[in-house]
Amino acid sequence: MRSIKTMRSIKSLLLAAAAAVALQPALADEKPPPGAMALSAVLIKLEQQGYTPITDVSLEKGRWEVEAYKGGEKRDLQVDPNSGDVLSDKPDRD
């Protein structure tokens, strides 16, 4: 029997993979910089920090722009594509 932690990890990977496939048209205009982490790894890192659900991702000016919830509040994030570090975390104003 699989542990709950393993099942959650598998679920997170599947969700990240689905998000990456769904975002392909959005990524057509800009390419991540050399050395960038896989988008799925960035999304998993954000989820591990409590940003869930992630509702939108785009690449703008070499950074991931992410809309996600944390603590029930919608947040706008800017994320470094090479490290996956959150560079900016602001309340969503939309």
Protein backbone atom coordinates (compact mmCIF):
# COMPACT_ATOMS: atom_id res chain seq x y z
CA MET A 1 0.00 0.00 0.00
CA ARG A 2 1.36 3.40 -0.94
CA SER A 3 1.83 6.00 1.75
CA ILE A 4 -0.24 9.17 1.74
CA LYS A 5 2.94 11.21 1.16
CA THR A 6 3.79 9.15 -1.94
CA MET A 7 0.26 9.51 -3.26
CA ARG A 8 0.37 13.29 -2.74
CA SER A 9 3.72 13.47 -4.55
CA ILE A 10 2.33 11.53 -7.49
CA LYS A 11 -0.75 13.77 -7.55
CA SER A 12 1.44 16.91 -7.50
CA LEU A 13 3.57 15.59 -10.37
CA LEU A 14 0.51 14.74 -12.44
CA LEU A 15 -1.03 18.17 -11.82
CA ALA A 16 2.24 19.92 -12.70
CA ALA A 17 2.59 17.88 -15.90
CA ALA A 18 -1.01 18.67 -16.89
CA ALA A 19 -0.41 22.37 -16.23
CA ALA A 20 2.75 22.34 -18.33
CA VAL A 21 0.91 20.75 -21.26
CA ALA A 22 -2.00 23.18 -20.93
CA LEU A 23 0.37 26.15 -20.92
CA GLN A 24 2.23 25.28 -24.13
CA PRO A 25 0.42 27.92 -26.26
CA ALA A 26 1.22 30.59 -23.66
CA LEU A 27 4.91 29.72 -23.82
CA ALA A 28 5.18 29.99 -27.59
CA ASP A 29 6.15 33.69 -27.56
CA GLU A 30 9.00 33.49 -25.06
CA LYS A 31 11.50 30.81 -24.14
CA PRO A 32 12.88 30.26 -20.62
CA PRO A 33 16.54 31.24 -20.21
CA PRO A 34 19.34 28.67 -20.45
CA GLY A 35 19.61 26.64 -17.24
CA ALA A 36 15.95 27.16 -16.33
CA MET A 37 14.29 24.54 -14.16
CA ALA A 38 11.49 22.49 -15.67
CA LEU A 39 8.18 24.25 -15.17
CA SER A 40 6.82 21.18 -13.38
CA ALA A 41 9.67 21.42 -10.83
CA VAL A 42 8.96 25.13 -10.28
CA LEU A 43 5.26 24.41 -9.71
CA ILE A 44 6.01 21.63 -7.24
CA LYS A 45 8.39 23.93 -5.35
CA LEU A 46 5.65 26.57 -5.12
CA GLU A 47 3.11 24.02 -3.93
CA GLN A 48 5.53 22.86 -1.24
CA GLN A 49 5.65 26.48 -0.04
CA GLY A 50 1.86 26.54 0.32
CA TYR A 51 0.89 28.16 -2.99
CA THR A 52 -2.08 26.03 -4.00
CA PRO A 53 -3.99 25.92 -6.16
CA ILE A 54 -1.91 27.49 -8.92
CA THR A 55 -4.36 28.97 -11.41
CA ASP A 56 -2.25 30.67 -14.11
CA VAL A 57 1.36 30.71 -15.29
CA SER A 58 3.02 32.77 -18.02
CA LEU A 59 6.56 33.71 -18.96
CA GLU A 60 7.13 37.47 -19.13
CA LYS A 61 10.48 39.21 -19.46
CA GLY A 62 12.37 36.07 -18.49
CA ARG A 63 10.40 35.38 -15.29
CA TRP A 64 7.48 33.14 -14.48
CA GLU A 65 4.39 35.13 -13.57
CA VAL A 66 2.19 32.95 -11.43
CA GLU A 67 -1.30 33.38 -9.99
CA ALA A 68 -1.87 31.14 -7.01
CA TYR A 69 -3.62 31.00 -3.67
CA LYS A 70 -1.92 30.95 -0.29
CA GLY A 71 -3.84 30.95 2.95
CA GLY A 72 -7.06 31.44 1.03
CA GLU A 73 -5.80 34.67 -0.59
CA LYS A 74 -5.09 35.02 -4.31
CA ARG A 75 -1.47 36.06 -4.93
CA ASP A 76 0.51 37.38 -7.93
CA LEU A 77 4.04 35.96 -7.96
CA GLN A 78 7.16 36.56 -9.99
CA VAL A 79 9.39 33.50 -9.94
CA ASP A 80 13.01 33.08 -11.04
CA PRO A 81 13.03 30.36 -13.74
CA ASN A 82 16.55 29.19 -12.88
CA SER A 83 16.13 28.74 -9.13
CA GLY A 84 12.36 28.59 -8.68
CA ASP A 85 12.68 31.27 -5.97
CA VAL A 86 9.78 33.67 -5.44
CA LEU A 87 11.08 37.15 -6.35
CA SER A 88 7.81 38.98 -5.70
CA ASP A 89 4.63 38.00 -3.85
CA LYS A 90 1.76 40.50 -3.93
CA PRO A 91 -1.99 40.30 -3.35
CA ASP A 92 -3.91 39.85 -6.61
CA ARG A 93 -5.76 43.09 -7.43
CA ASP A 94 -8.03 41.70 -10.18
